[in-house]
N, C-alpha and C. Protein backbone atom coordinates (compact mmCIF):
# COMPACT_ATOMS: atom_id res chain seq x y z
N MET A 1 -9.13 -16.10 -5.85
CA MET A 1 -8.17 -15.02 -5.81
C MET A 1 -6.90 -15.41 -6.59
N LEU A 2 -6.41 -14.47 -7.36
CA LEU A 2 -5.21 -14.70 -8.15
C LEU A 2 -3.98 -14.70 -7.27
N PRO A 3 -2.96 -15.52 -7.60
CA PRO A 3 -1.73 -15.52 -6.81
C PRO A 3 -1.07 -14.15 -6.91
N ASN A 4 -0.58 -13.63 -5.82
CA ASN A 4 0.10 -12.33 -5.76
C ASN A 4 -0.78 -11.16 -6.21
N ALA A 5 -2.08 -11.34 -6.18
CA ALA A 5 -2.99 -10.27 -6.61
C ALA A 5 -3.00 -9.13 -5.61
N ILE A 6 -3.13 -7.93 -6.11
CA ILE A 6 -3.31 -6.77 -5.25
C ILE A 6 -4.80 -6.68 -4.88
N ARG A 7 -5.08 -6.71 -3.58
CA ARG A 7 -6.46 -6.64 -3.14
C ARG A 7 -6.94 -5.19 -3.10
N VAL A 8 -7.98 -4.91 -3.88
CA VAL A 8 -8.47 -3.55 -4.05
C VAL A 8 -9.96 -3.49 -3.66
N ALA A 9 -10.31 -2.48 -2.91
CA ALA A 9 -11.72 -2.24 -2.55
C ALA A 9 -12.13 -0.90 -3.14
N VAL A 10 -13.36 -0.80 -3.61
CA VAL A 10 -13.87 0.41 -4.27
C VAL A 10 -15.13 0.87 -3.57
N ALA A 11 -15.08 2.13 -3.11
CA ALA A 11 -16.26 2.80 -2.52
C ALA A 11 -16.55 4.01 -3.37
N ASP A 12 -17.58 3.93 -4.23
CA ASP A 12 -17.93 5.07 -5.07
C ASP A 12 -19.29 5.62 -4.63
N ALA A 13 -19.71 6.68 -5.27
CA ALA A 13 -20.92 7.40 -4.91
C ALA A 13 -22.17 6.56 -4.84
N THR A 14 -22.26 5.56 -5.71
CA THR A 14 -23.39 4.63 -5.68
C THR A 14 -22.87 3.21 -5.81
N ARG A 15 -23.70 2.28 -5.40
CA ARG A 15 -23.31 0.88 -5.49
C ARG A 15 -23.05 0.52 -6.97
N MET A 16 -23.89 1.02 -7.88
CA MET A 16 -23.71 0.71 -9.30
C MET A 16 -22.35 1.23 -9.79
N ASN A 17 -22.00 2.47 -9.42
CA ASN A 17 -20.69 3.02 -9.82
C ASN A 17 -19.55 2.12 -9.33
N SER A 18 -19.65 1.69 -8.06
CA SER A 18 -18.61 0.81 -7.50
C SER A 18 -18.51 -0.47 -8.30
N GLU A 19 -19.66 -1.06 -8.62
CA GLU A 19 -19.66 -2.33 -9.38
C GLU A 19 -19.09 -2.15 -10.79
N LEU A 20 -19.44 -1.02 -11.43
CA LEU A 20 -18.91 -0.74 -12.75
C LEU A 20 -17.38 -0.60 -12.71
N MET A 21 -16.89 0.11 -11.72
CA MET A 21 -15.42 0.27 -11.60
C MET A 21 -14.77 -1.09 -11.29
N VAL A 22 -15.36 -1.89 -10.46
CA VAL A 22 -14.84 -3.20 -10.14
C VAL A 22 -14.74 -4.03 -11.42
N THR A 23 -15.81 -4.07 -12.21
CA THR A 23 -15.84 -4.83 -13.47
C THR A 23 -14.74 -4.34 -14.41
N ALA A 24 -14.59 -3.04 -14.56
CA ALA A 24 -13.57 -2.46 -15.45
C ALA A 24 -12.17 -2.82 -14.95
N LEU A 25 -11.94 -2.74 -13.64
CA LEU A 25 -10.60 -3.08 -13.12
C LEU A 25 -10.27 -4.57 -13.30
N LYS A 26 -11.29 -5.41 -13.15
CA LYS A 26 -11.07 -6.86 -13.39
C LYS A 26 -10.71 -7.12 -14.84
N ARG A 27 -11.29 -6.36 -15.76
CA ARG A 27 -11.00 -6.54 -17.22
C ARG A 27 -9.66 -5.94 -17.61
N SER A 28 -9.05 -5.15 -16.72
CA SER A 28 -7.81 -4.47 -17.09
C SER A 28 -6.57 -5.40 -17.09
N ARG A 29 -6.78 -6.65 -16.67
CA ARG A 29 -5.68 -7.64 -16.66
C ARG A 29 -4.47 -7.14 -15.84
N SER A 30 -4.79 -6.59 -14.70
CA SER A 30 -3.72 -6.01 -13.85
C SER A 30 -3.48 -6.84 -12.60
N ASN A 31 -3.97 -8.05 -12.53
CA ASN A 31 -3.77 -8.90 -11.40
C ASN A 31 -4.33 -8.28 -10.12
N PHE A 32 -5.56 -7.81 -10.19
CA PHE A 32 -6.23 -7.22 -9.04
C PHE A 32 -7.34 -8.18 -8.58
N ASP A 33 -7.50 -8.30 -7.28
CA ASP A 33 -8.64 -8.94 -6.67
C ASP A 33 -9.51 -7.79 -6.15
N VAL A 34 -10.60 -7.44 -6.86
CA VAL A 34 -11.33 -6.22 -6.60
C VAL A 34 -12.70 -6.52 -6.06
N GLN A 35 -13.08 -5.74 -5.02
CA GLN A 35 -14.37 -5.90 -4.39
C GLN A 35 -15.06 -4.55 -4.24
N PRO A 36 -16.38 -4.47 -4.53
CA PRO A 36 -17.09 -3.22 -4.28
C PRO A 36 -17.46 -3.08 -2.81
N LEU A 37 -17.51 -1.88 -2.35
CA LEU A 37 -17.96 -1.59 -0.98
C LEU A 37 -19.29 -0.87 -1.03
N THR A 38 -19.97 -0.83 0.07
CA THR A 38 -21.16 -0.05 0.21
C THR A 38 -20.82 1.43 0.03
N SER A 39 -21.74 2.19 -0.51
CA SER A 39 -21.44 3.61 -0.78
C SER A 39 -21.80 4.53 0.39
N ASN A 40 -22.10 3.96 1.53
CA ASN A 40 -22.31 4.72 2.77
C ASN A 40 -20.99 4.75 3.52
N SER A 41 -20.53 5.91 3.96
CA SER A 41 -19.19 6.04 4.52
C SER A 41 -19.00 5.21 5.81
N LEU A 42 -20.01 5.18 6.66
CA LEU A 42 -19.87 4.47 7.92
C LEU A 42 -19.74 2.96 7.68
N ILE A 43 -20.58 2.43 6.81
CA ILE A 43 -20.54 1.00 6.50
C ILE A 43 -19.31 0.67 5.72
N ALA A 44 -18.94 1.52 4.77
CA ALA A 44 -17.75 1.27 3.95
C ALA A 44 -16.49 1.23 4.82
N PHE A 45 -16.42 2.06 5.81
CA PHE A 45 -15.27 2.03 6.73
C PHE A 45 -15.19 0.68 7.45
N ARG A 46 -16.30 0.22 7.94
CA ARG A 46 -16.34 -1.09 8.61
C ARG A 46 -15.91 -2.22 7.66
N GLU A 47 -16.42 -2.13 6.41
CA GLU A 47 -16.07 -3.16 5.42
C GLU A 47 -14.57 -3.13 5.13
N LEU A 48 -13.98 -1.93 5.04
CA LEU A 48 -12.55 -1.81 4.82
C LEU A 48 -11.75 -2.40 6.00
N ARG A 49 -12.19 -2.03 7.18
CA ARG A 49 -11.50 -2.53 8.39
C ARG A 49 -11.55 -4.05 8.49
N ASP A 50 -12.70 -4.64 8.06
CA ASP A 50 -12.84 -6.09 8.18
C ASP A 50 -12.17 -6.82 7.03
N SER A 51 -12.09 -6.24 5.83
CA SER A 51 -11.58 -6.99 4.66
C SER A 51 -10.08 -6.74 4.44
N HIS A 52 -9.50 -5.70 4.98
CA HIS A 52 -8.06 -5.42 4.87
C HIS A 52 -7.51 -5.46 3.45
N PRO A 53 -8.07 -4.66 2.52
CA PRO A 53 -7.49 -4.65 1.16
C PRO A 53 -6.12 -3.99 1.21
N ASP A 54 -5.35 -4.17 0.15
CA ASP A 54 -4.06 -3.49 0.01
C ASP A 54 -4.28 -2.03 -0.34
N VAL A 55 -5.23 -1.77 -1.26
CA VAL A 55 -5.51 -0.42 -1.74
C VAL A 55 -7.04 -0.19 -1.70
N ALA A 56 -7.42 1.00 -1.26
CA ALA A 56 -8.83 1.38 -1.26
C ALA A 56 -8.99 2.57 -2.21
N ILE A 57 -9.94 2.46 -3.13
CA ILE A 57 -10.31 3.58 -4.01
C ILE A 57 -11.57 4.15 -3.34
N ILE A 58 -11.48 5.39 -2.84
CA ILE A 58 -12.60 5.96 -2.11
C ILE A 58 -13.03 7.27 -2.78
N SER A 59 -14.28 7.33 -3.15
CA SER A 59 -14.81 8.56 -3.70
C SER A 59 -14.99 9.58 -2.60
N ALA A 60 -14.65 10.83 -2.88
CA ALA A 60 -14.89 11.89 -1.93
C ALA A 60 -16.40 12.04 -1.70
N ARG A 61 -17.20 11.81 -2.72
CA ARG A 61 -18.64 11.94 -2.64
C ARG A 61 -19.24 10.54 -2.56
N LEU A 62 -19.88 10.28 -1.43
CA LEU A 62 -20.60 9.01 -1.25
C LEU A 62 -22.08 9.31 -1.03
N GLU A 63 -22.88 8.27 -0.90
CA GLU A 63 -24.32 8.47 -0.85
C GLU A 63 -24.78 9.28 0.35
N ASP A 64 -23.98 9.33 1.41
CA ASP A 64 -24.39 10.07 2.60
C ASP A 64 -23.81 11.46 2.66
N GLY A 65 -23.27 11.97 1.56
CA GLY A 65 -22.82 13.37 1.53
C GLY A 65 -21.73 13.64 0.54
N PRO A 66 -21.56 14.92 0.14
CA PRO A 66 -20.61 15.27 -0.89
C PRO A 66 -19.13 15.09 -0.52
N LEU A 67 -18.78 15.12 0.75
CA LEU A 67 -17.39 14.96 1.18
C LEU A 67 -17.17 13.87 2.20
N THR A 68 -18.11 12.93 2.26
CA THR A 68 -18.02 11.91 3.32
C THR A 68 -16.93 10.87 3.09
N GLY A 69 -16.38 10.81 1.88
CA GLY A 69 -15.24 9.95 1.65
C GLY A 69 -14.03 10.37 2.47
N PHE A 70 -13.94 11.67 2.78
CA PHE A 70 -12.87 12.18 3.64
C PHE A 70 -13.00 11.57 5.03
N ARG A 71 -14.23 11.32 5.48
CA ARG A 71 -14.44 10.72 6.81
C ARG A 71 -13.74 9.33 6.85
N ILE A 72 -13.85 8.60 5.80
CA ILE A 72 -13.21 7.26 5.75
C ILE A 72 -11.70 7.42 5.86
N LEU A 73 -11.14 8.37 5.10
CA LEU A 73 -9.67 8.61 5.20
C LEU A 73 -9.27 8.90 6.63
N HIS A 74 -9.98 9.81 7.29
CA HIS A 74 -9.65 10.19 8.66
C HIS A 74 -9.79 8.99 9.62
N GLU A 75 -10.82 8.20 9.44
CA GLU A 75 -11.01 7.06 10.35
C GLU A 75 -9.94 6.01 10.12
N LEU A 76 -9.56 5.77 8.86
CA LEU A 76 -8.47 4.81 8.60
C LEU A 76 -7.17 5.29 9.24
N ARG A 77 -6.93 6.56 9.15
CA ARG A 77 -5.71 7.14 9.77
C ARG A 77 -5.77 7.04 11.28
N ALA A 78 -6.94 7.27 11.85
CA ALA A 78 -7.11 7.25 13.31
C ALA A 78 -6.84 5.85 13.89
N VAL A 79 -7.18 4.81 13.12
CA VAL A 79 -6.96 3.46 13.62
C VAL A 79 -5.62 2.89 13.10
N GLU A 80 -4.80 3.78 12.53
CA GLU A 80 -3.47 3.41 12.03
C GLU A 80 -3.53 2.23 11.07
N SER A 81 -4.47 2.30 10.18
CA SER A 81 -4.64 1.25 9.17
C SER A 81 -3.48 1.26 8.20
N ARG A 82 -3.18 0.08 7.66
CA ARG A 82 -2.10 -0.04 6.69
C ARG A 82 -2.65 -0.04 5.27
N ILE A 83 -3.93 0.26 5.14
CA ILE A 83 -4.54 0.30 3.81
C ILE A 83 -4.11 1.59 3.11
N SER A 84 -3.58 1.45 1.94
CA SER A 84 -3.21 2.62 1.13
C SER A 84 -4.46 3.10 0.42
N SER A 85 -4.74 4.40 0.53
CA SER A 85 -5.96 4.94 -0.04
C SER A 85 -5.72 5.89 -1.21
N VAL A 86 -6.58 5.81 -2.20
CA VAL A 86 -6.61 6.73 -3.31
C VAL A 86 -7.95 7.42 -3.24
N LEU A 87 -7.95 8.77 -3.19
CA LEU A 87 -9.19 9.49 -3.14
C LEU A 87 -9.62 9.84 -4.56
N LEU A 88 -10.84 9.49 -4.88
CA LEU A 88 -11.42 9.75 -6.20
C LEU A 88 -12.19 11.07 -6.12
N LEU A 89 -11.71 12.08 -6.88
CA LEU A 89 -12.29 13.43 -6.85
C LEU A 89 -13.00 13.76 -8.16
N ASP A 90 -14.06 14.56 -8.05
CA ASP A 90 -14.74 15.03 -9.25
C ASP A 90 -13.89 16.05 -10.02
N SER A 91 -13.13 16.85 -9.25
CA SER A 91 -12.22 17.83 -9.84
C SER A 91 -11.08 18.03 -8.87
N THR A 92 -9.95 18.54 -9.37
CA THR A 92 -8.82 18.71 -8.49
C THR A 92 -8.75 20.16 -7.97
N GLU A 93 -9.61 20.42 -7.00
CA GLU A 93 -9.62 21.71 -6.31
C GLU A 93 -8.51 21.68 -5.28
N ARG A 94 -7.84 22.83 -5.12
CA ARG A 94 -6.69 22.93 -4.22
C ARG A 94 -6.99 22.38 -2.82
N ASP A 95 -8.06 22.90 -2.19
CA ASP A 95 -8.37 22.51 -0.80
C ASP A 95 -8.68 21.03 -0.69
N LEU A 96 -9.35 20.47 -1.67
CA LEU A 96 -9.66 19.04 -1.62
C LEU A 96 -8.41 18.19 -1.74
N VAL A 97 -7.52 18.59 -2.61
CA VAL A 97 -6.25 17.85 -2.78
C VAL A 97 -5.44 17.89 -1.49
N VAL A 98 -5.26 19.06 -0.93
CA VAL A 98 -4.47 19.21 0.30
C VAL A 98 -5.11 18.43 1.42
N ASP A 99 -6.44 18.55 1.60
CA ASP A 99 -7.12 17.80 2.67
C ASP A 99 -7.06 16.29 2.46
N ALA A 100 -7.06 15.84 1.24
CA ALA A 100 -6.95 14.43 0.97
C ALA A 100 -5.63 13.89 1.51
N PHE A 101 -4.54 14.59 1.22
CA PHE A 101 -3.25 14.14 1.71
C PHE A 101 -3.11 14.32 3.21
N ARG A 102 -3.70 15.39 3.75
CA ARG A 102 -3.73 15.54 5.21
C ARG A 102 -4.47 14.40 5.87
N GLY A 103 -5.51 13.92 5.18
CA GLY A 103 -6.30 12.82 5.71
C GLY A 103 -5.66 11.45 5.58
N GLY A 104 -4.56 11.39 4.85
CA GLY A 104 -3.85 10.13 4.74
C GLY A 104 -3.87 9.45 3.38
N ALA A 105 -4.47 10.12 2.39
CA ALA A 105 -4.49 9.53 1.05
C ALA A 105 -3.07 9.38 0.53
N ARG A 106 -2.83 8.35 -0.23
CA ARG A 106 -1.54 8.11 -0.86
C ARG A 106 -1.59 8.49 -2.34
N GLY A 107 -2.80 8.83 -2.79
CA GLY A 107 -2.95 9.20 -4.20
C GLY A 107 -4.27 9.94 -4.40
N ILE A 108 -4.30 10.68 -5.51
CA ILE A 108 -5.49 11.40 -5.95
C ILE A 108 -5.77 10.94 -7.36
N PHE A 109 -7.01 10.60 -7.63
CA PHE A 109 -7.40 10.25 -9.01
C PHE A 109 -8.66 11.06 -9.33
N CYS A 110 -8.61 11.82 -10.41
CA CYS A 110 -9.73 12.65 -10.79
C CYS A 110 -10.60 11.94 -11.81
N ARG A 111 -11.92 12.09 -11.66
CA ARG A 111 -12.85 11.43 -12.57
C ARG A 111 -12.63 11.89 -14.03
N GLY A 112 -12.04 13.01 -14.24
CA GLY A 112 -11.75 13.50 -15.58
C GLY A 112 -10.55 12.84 -16.22
N ASP A 113 -9.76 12.10 -15.44
CA ASP A 113 -8.58 11.41 -15.95
C ASP A 113 -8.97 10.16 -16.71
N SER A 114 -8.10 9.67 -17.54
CA SER A 114 -8.35 8.43 -18.31
C SER A 114 -8.41 7.24 -17.37
N PHE A 115 -9.41 6.40 -17.55
CA PHE A 115 -9.54 5.20 -16.72
C PHE A 115 -8.31 4.31 -16.91
N ALA A 116 -7.68 4.36 -18.05
CA ALA A 116 -6.52 3.52 -18.31
C ALA A 116 -5.38 3.80 -17.32
N ALA A 117 -5.35 4.98 -16.73
CA ALA A 117 -4.32 5.33 -15.76
C ALA A 117 -4.61 4.79 -14.34
N LEU A 118 -5.85 4.39 -14.08
CA LEU A 118 -6.19 3.93 -12.72
C LEU A 118 -5.44 2.66 -12.31
N PRO A 119 -5.30 1.64 -13.15
CA PRO A 119 -4.51 0.47 -12.73
C PRO A 119 -3.07 0.84 -12.39
N LYS A 120 -2.46 1.75 -13.15
CA LYS A 120 -1.10 2.19 -12.85
C LYS A 120 -1.07 2.91 -11.50
N CYS A 121 -2.06 3.74 -11.24
CA CYS A 121 -2.18 4.44 -9.97
C CYS A 121 -2.22 3.43 -8.83
N ILE A 122 -3.09 2.42 -8.96
CA ILE A 122 -3.22 1.41 -7.91
C ILE A 122 -1.89 0.69 -7.68
N ARG A 123 -1.23 0.28 -8.72
CA ARG A 123 0.06 -0.43 -8.58
C ARG A 123 1.09 0.45 -7.91
N GLN A 124 1.18 1.72 -8.30
CA GLN A 124 2.19 2.61 -7.71
C GLN A 124 1.91 2.85 -6.23
N VAL A 125 0.65 3.09 -5.91
CA VAL A 125 0.31 3.30 -4.50
C VAL A 125 0.58 2.02 -3.68
N HIS A 126 0.24 0.90 -4.27
CA HIS A 126 0.52 -0.38 -3.61
C HIS A 126 2.02 -0.59 -3.35
N ASN A 127 2.85 -0.06 -4.26
CA ASN A 127 4.32 -0.17 -4.12
C ASN A 127 4.92 0.91 -3.24
N GLY A 128 4.06 1.70 -2.58
CA GLY A 128 4.57 2.68 -1.61
C GLY A 128 4.83 4.06 -2.22
N GLN A 129 4.46 4.26 -3.46
CA GLN A 129 4.68 5.57 -4.08
C GLN A 129 3.43 6.42 -3.92
N ILE A 130 3.59 7.70 -4.22
CA ILE A 130 2.51 8.66 -4.15
C ILE A 130 2.01 8.91 -5.59
N TRP A 131 0.70 8.93 -5.76
CA TRP A 131 0.13 9.21 -7.09
C TRP A 131 -0.45 10.63 -7.07
N VAL A 132 0.21 11.50 -7.81
CA VAL A 132 -0.22 12.91 -7.87
C VAL A 132 0.25 13.48 -9.19
N ASN A 133 -0.57 14.32 -9.81
CA ASN A 133 -0.10 14.94 -11.04
C ASN A 133 0.63 16.26 -10.72
N ASN A 134 1.20 16.90 -11.70
CA ASN A 134 2.01 18.09 -11.46
C ASN A 134 1.21 19.24 -10.86
N GLY A 135 -0.01 19.43 -11.31
CA GLY A 135 -0.86 20.50 -10.73
C GLY A 135 -1.16 20.26 -9.27
N GLU A 136 -1.46 19.03 -8.90
CA GLU A 136 -1.73 18.66 -7.52
C GLU A 136 -0.48 18.79 -6.67
N LEU A 137 0.65 18.42 -7.25
CA LEU A 137 1.93 18.55 -6.53
C LEU A 137 2.24 20.02 -6.24
N GLU A 138 1.89 20.88 -7.18
CA GLU A 138 2.09 22.31 -7.00
C GLU A 138 1.28 22.83 -5.76
N PHE A 139 0.06 22.33 -5.60
CA PHE A 139 -0.74 22.70 -4.42
C PHE A 139 0.00 22.33 -3.13
N LEU A 140 0.59 21.14 -3.11
CA LEU A 140 1.29 20.66 -1.92
C LEU A 140 2.56 21.47 -1.69
N LEU A 141 3.29 21.80 -2.73
CA LEU A 141 4.48 22.61 -2.60
C LEU A 141 4.17 23.99 -2.08
N GLU A 142 3.06 24.58 -2.54
CA GLU A 142 2.65 25.90 -2.05
C GLU A 142 2.40 25.84 -0.52
N LEU A 143 1.81 24.75 -0.08
CA LEU A 143 1.54 24.58 1.34
C LEU A 143 2.86 24.46 2.12
N VAL A 144 3.78 23.69 1.62
CA VAL A 144 5.06 23.51 2.31
C VAL A 144 5.82 24.85 2.36
N ILE A 145 5.78 25.59 1.27
CA ILE A 145 6.49 26.87 1.21
C ILE A 145 5.89 27.86 2.24
N SER A 146 4.60 27.77 2.46
CA SER A 146 3.95 28.73 3.37
C SER A 146 4.21 28.41 4.84
N VAL A 147 4.75 27.27 5.17
CA VAL A 147 5.03 26.93 6.55
C VAL A 147 6.22 27.74 7.06
N ARG A 148 6.18 28.08 8.33
CA ARG A 148 7.26 28.89 8.90
C ARG A 148 8.61 28.27 8.64
N PRO A 149 9.56 29.06 8.19
CA PRO A 149 10.90 28.51 7.87
C PRO A 149 11.69 28.20 9.13
N LEU A 150 12.63 27.32 8.97
CA LEU A 150 13.56 26.98 10.08
C LEU A 150 14.69 27.98 10.02
N LYS A 151 15.02 28.60 11.13
CA LYS A 151 16.10 29.58 11.21
C LYS A 151 17.28 28.89 11.92
N ILE A 152 18.39 28.83 11.22
CA ILE A 152 19.54 28.19 11.78
C ILE A 152 20.57 29.27 12.17
N GLN A 153 21.01 29.21 13.41
CA GLN A 153 21.93 30.23 13.93
C GLN A 153 23.13 29.54 14.55
N THR A 154 24.28 30.22 14.45
CA THR A 154 25.47 29.71 15.13
C THR A 154 25.89 30.72 16.20
N ASP A 155 26.36 30.20 17.31
CA ASP A 155 26.86 31.02 18.38
C ASP A 155 28.32 31.26 18.10
N ARG A 156 28.70 32.53 17.91
CA ARG A 156 30.11 32.83 17.57
C ARG A 156 31.08 32.45 18.66
N ARG A 157 30.58 32.45 19.88
CA ARG A 157 31.50 32.15 21.01
C ARG A 157 31.92 30.72 21.08
N ASN A 158 30.93 29.78 20.90
CA ASN A 158 31.30 28.37 21.05
C ASN A 158 31.06 27.53 19.79
N GLY A 159 30.52 28.15 18.74
CA GLY A 159 30.29 27.44 17.47
C GLY A 159 29.12 26.52 17.44
N SER A 160 28.27 26.52 18.50
CA SER A 160 27.12 25.65 18.53
C SER A 160 26.07 26.14 17.55
N VAL A 161 25.27 25.20 17.06
CA VAL A 161 24.22 25.50 16.09
C VAL A 161 22.86 25.34 16.79
N ASP A 162 21.97 26.30 16.54
CA ASP A 162 20.64 26.24 17.11
C ASP A 162 19.63 26.44 15.99
N ALA A 163 18.62 25.59 15.93
CA ALA A 163 17.58 25.72 14.91
C ALA A 163 16.26 26.02 15.64
N THR A 164 15.60 27.08 15.21
CA THR A 164 14.30 27.45 15.78
C THR A 164 13.37 27.84 14.67
N ARG A 165 12.10 27.74 14.93
CA ARG A 165 11.07 28.21 13.97
C ARG A 165 10.83 29.68 14.24
N THR A 166 10.82 30.45 13.18
CA THR A 166 10.47 31.88 13.35
C THR A 166 8.96 31.99 13.43
N ARG A 167 8.50 32.97 14.18
CA ARG A 167 7.06 33.20 14.26
C ARG A 167 6.71 34.28 13.25
N ARG A 168 5.71 34.03 12.45
CA ARG A 168 5.30 35.02 11.48
C ARG A 168 4.82 36.26 12.19
N GLY A 169 5.32 37.42 11.80
CA GLY A 169 4.83 38.67 12.37
C GLY A 169 5.45 39.02 13.71
N ALA A 170 6.23 38.09 14.28
CA ALA A 170 6.86 38.36 15.59
C ALA A 170 8.07 39.26 15.40
N PRO A 171 8.26 40.21 16.29
CA PRO A 171 9.45 41.06 16.19
C PRO A 171 10.70 40.22 16.39
N ARG A 172 11.73 40.51 15.63
CA ARG A 172 12.97 39.78 15.76
C ARG A 172 14.04 40.72 16.34
N SER A 173 14.87 40.18 17.16
CA SER A 173 15.93 41.01 17.74
C SER A 173 16.95 41.36 16.67
N ARG A 174 17.74 42.39 16.95
CA ARG A 174 18.77 42.82 16.02
C ARG A 174 19.76 41.68 15.75
N ARG A 175 20.04 40.90 16.75
CA ARG A 175 20.99 39.79 16.60
C ARG A 175 20.52 38.83 15.51
N HIS A 176 19.19 38.56 15.45
CA HIS A 176 18.66 37.64 14.47
C HIS A 176 18.72 38.19 13.06
N GLU A 177 18.91 39.47 12.90
CA GLU A 177 18.95 40.08 11.59
C GLU A 177 20.36 40.15 11.05
N GLU A 178 21.36 39.86 11.87
CA GLU A 178 22.72 39.95 11.42
C GLU A 178 23.03 38.73 10.56
N PRO A 179 23.46 38.93 9.29
CA PRO A 179 23.71 37.79 8.41
C PRO A 179 24.80 36.86 8.92
N SER A 180 25.73 37.37 9.71
CA SER A 180 26.81 36.50 10.17
C SER A 180 26.35 35.47 11.19
N ASP A 181 25.14 35.68 11.72
CA ASP A 181 24.61 34.73 12.71
C ASP A 181 23.85 33.58 12.05
N CYS A 182 23.58 33.68 10.77
CA CYS A 182 22.80 32.64 10.08
C CYS A 182 23.67 31.86 9.13
N ILE A 183 23.38 30.59 9.03
CA ILE A 183 24.02 29.75 8.01
C ILE A 183 23.14 29.84 6.77
N GLN A 184 23.68 30.24 5.68
CA GLN A 184 22.92 30.36 4.44
C GLN A 184 22.94 29.01 3.74
N ALA A 185 21.75 28.61 3.28
CA ALA A 185 21.64 27.33 2.57
C ALA A 185 22.04 27.47 1.13
């Protein structure tokens, strides 16, 4: 193992794909200690849990199903693992991107992207940053925007501030509709 190397584990759709990615990452001269994982989600999870890599590259599609890589993300999150995960997607579909981040991924890498960007992705995720392109970020922003807004109100009598979530479709009292009761951002 190289001194100060970033420990990376790779779980791709097949064992051969994992080994090819490992070989390419080792050749990238990025100071990575890279290991392939089994391409079965249940076994790969156990291997991750036992080996404690810094970063895991996990394909959404593994040998036991088209979206079983998500199972690994959810299991890592459930055991409060400190492994930073990058989900490898065949394409950046909105629902897959959103669910990857909900599952605990710290980055998304699409198979259509240049392999040369993968070492940078790994380093940034290892350094605590999020790896996402502008299109994927737009999906996440759309989700945030769709969440119920926080309504901030002041009580004219005593000046206290109260923040509550509005319910979509719920009737609002006349008081809540008065602009003087709301603090405008």
